């Protein structure tokens, strides 16, 4: 049996159309702090840049807001007539930037770039210079 405070929240990227086809669902505990990392992961967004229905939340370590719970946030949205994400047809709009590529990642993820260079190096032991002939 599911916890009574377990909620399903439907989200969509703010650039996506507000319909059920473009939404994703996450499950949250109503009494827990808002986890912006969970929201960002669901939509491929950097948690440091995530905003919900146009609001940005302060957060502690791990991108979890300790100032507001999911239940409080969704009640605030409902009071203001904004989507609460309770229905796939009315998902919470999520703003944010894409997750940054890790350092050293190739410029085009999913593609492997291979470059093979063949060269000869004349050996000249009388000099400290290395001559490369391509």
Protein backbone atom coordinates (compact mmCIF):
# COMPACT_ATOMS: atom_id res chain seq x y z
CA UNK A 1 0.00 0.00 0.00
CA UNK A 2 1.36 3.43 -0.92
CA UNK A 3 2.18 6.00 1.72
CA UNK A 4 -0.71 8.47 2.24
CA UNK A 5 1.65 11.39 1.56
CA UNK A 6 3.07 9.90 -1.65
CA UNK A 7 2.19 12.21 -4.54
CA UNK A 8 2.59 11.91 -8.29
CA UNK A 9 3.61 15.25 -9.79
CA UNK A 10 3.52 15.76 -13.54
CA UNK A 11 6.18 18.09 -14.96
CA UNK A 12 6.97 19.61 -18.32
CA UNK A 13 9.78 21.75 -19.62
CA UNK A 14 8.52 25.33 -19.92
CA UNK A 15 9.33 25.30 -23.65
CA UNK A 16 7.13 22.22 -24.17
CA UNK A 17 3.41 22.50 -24.93
CA UNK A 18 1.20 22.14 -21.84
CA UNK A 19 -0.30 18.76 -22.68
CA UNK A 20 -0.15 15.24 -21.36
CA UNK A 21 2.07 14.01 -24.19
CA UNK A 22 4.96 16.27 -23.20
CA UNK A 23 4.83 15.68 -19.44
CA UNK A 24 6.85 13.34 -17.23
CA UNK A 25 5.78 12.11 -13.80
CA UNK A 26 7.79 11.89 -10.60
CA UNK A 27 6.74 10.50 -7.24
CA UNK A 28 7.41 12.62 -4.16
CA UNK A 29 6.63 12.54 -0.45
CA UNK A 30 4.31 15.45 0.39
CA UNK A 31 6.14 16.15 3.66
CA UNK A 32 9.63 16.10 2.17
CA UNK A 33 11.55 19.13 0.98
CA UNK A 34 11.36 19.93 -2.74
CA UNK A 35 14.16 17.99 -4.44
CA UNK A 36 15.29 20.08 -7.41
CA UNK A 37 17.83 17.41 -8.39
CA UNK A 38 14.99 14.92 -8.86
CA UNK A 39 13.09 17.46 -10.97
CA UNK A 40 16.18 18.31 -13.01
CA UNK A 41 17.02 14.65 -13.59
CA UNK A 42 13.50 13.94 -14.84
CA UNK A 43 13.79 16.64 -17.52
CA UNK A 44 17.55 16.70 -18.20
CA UNK A 45 18.02 20.09 -16.53
CA UNK A 46 20.76 21.45 -14.28
CA UNK A 47 19.25 21.41 -10.75
CA UNK A 48 20.99 24.72 -9.94
CA UNK A 49 18.86 26.42 -12.61
CA UNK A 50 15.46 24.76 -11.99
CA UNK A 51 12.40 26.92 -11.38
CA UNK A 52 8.84 25.65 -10.89
CA UNK A 53 5.91 27.61 -12.40
CA UNK A 54 8.23 30.61 -12.62
CA UNK A 55 9.42 30.40 -8.99
CA UNK A 56 12.98 29.66 -7.93
CA UNK A 57 13.47 27.96 -4.58
CA UNK A 58 16.41 28.27 -2.25
CA UNK A 59 17.90 24.90 -1.49
CA UNK A 60 20.42 23.27 0.77
CA UNK A 61 22.91 20.55 0.05
CA UNK A 62 21.94 18.14 -2.69
CA UNK A 63 19.54 20.69 -4.21
CA UNK A 64 16.79 19.90 -1.67
CA UNK A 65 14.77 22.87 -0.41
CA UNK A 66 14.56 22.76 3.36
CA UNK A 67 12.32 25.85 3.48
CA UNK A 68 9.28 24.36 1.74
CA UNK A 69 7.80 20.87 1.35
CA UNK A 70 6.19 19.44 -1.77
CA UNK A 71 2.78 19.61 -0.10
CA UNK A 72 3.21 23.29 0.82
CA UNK A 73 4.50 24.21 -2.63
CA UNK A 74 1.67 22.45 -4.46
CA UNK A 75 -0.91 24.05 -2.12
CA UNK A 76 0.65 27.46 -2.89
CA UNK A 77 0.35 26.76 -6.64
CA UNK A 78 -3.29 25.67 -6.23
CA UNK A 79 -4.14 28.84 -4.27
CA UNK A 80 -2.68 30.95 -7.06
CA UNK A 81 -4.51 29.06 -9.80
CA UNK A 82 -1.30 27.60 -11.22
CA UNK A 83 -0.86 23.98 -12.33
CA UNK A 84 -0.12 21.60 -9.48
CA UNK A 85 0.88 18.66 -11.65
CA UNK A 86 -1.85 16.45 -10.19
CA UNK A 87 -3.11 15.75 -13.72
CA UNK A 88 -0.94 14.94 -16.77
CA UNK A 89 -2.92 17.52 -18.76
CA UNK A 90 -1.90 20.28 -16.30
CA UNK A 91 1.77 19.69 -15.46
CA UNK A 92 3.98 22.03 -13.44
CA UNK A 93 6.06 24.18 -15.82
CA UNK A 94 9.78 23.74 -15.17
CA UNK A 95 12.36 26.31 -16.27
CA UNK A 96 16.07 25.62 -16.33
CA UNK A 97 19.21 25.18 -18.32
CA UNK A 98 20.52 21.88 -19.66
CA UNK A 99 22.81 19.73 -17.58
CA UNK A 100 26.39 20.84 -18.33
CA UNK A 101 28.67 18.36 -20.04
CA UNK A 102 31.32 16.88 -17.76
CA UNK A 103 34.86 18.21 -18.25
CA UNK A 104 36.60 16.44 -21.11
CA UNK A 105 33.35 15.21 -22.65
CA UNK A 106 33.23 15.09 -26.45
CA UNK A 107 31.42 18.03 -28.05
CA UNK A 108 28.79 15.74 -29.56
CA UNK A 109 27.55 13.20 -27.00
CA UNK A 110 26.98 9.75 -28.41
CA UNK A 111 29.54 10.20 -31.16
CA UNK A 112 33.08 8.99 -30.94
CA UNK A 113 35.63 11.04 -32.86
CA UNK A 114 38.76 9.17 -33.88
CA UNK A 115 41.70 10.81 -35.54
CA UNK A 116 44.66 8.70 -36.66
CA UNK A 117 47.84 10.52 -37.56
CA UNK A 118 50.84 8.72 -39.00
CA UNK A 119 54.19 10.43 -38.95
CA UNK A 120 57.86 9.61 -38.99
CA UNK A 121 60.47 11.13 -36.75
CA UNK A 122 64.03 11.37 -38.10
CA UNK A 123 66.44 10.37 -35.37
CA UNK A 124 69.10 12.99 -34.81
CA UNK A 125 71.02 12.34 -31.61
CA UNK A 126 73.26 15.39 -32.05
CA UNK A 127 70.36 17.77 -31.44
CA UNK A 128 67.77 18.29 -28.75
CA UNK A 129 65.24 19.27 -31.44
CA UNK A 130 62.57 16.88 -32.56
CA UNK A 131 61.57 17.20 -36.18
CA UNK A 132 58.19 15.83 -37.16
CA UNK A 133 57.47 15.18 -40.83
CA UNK A 134 53.82 14.80 -41.67
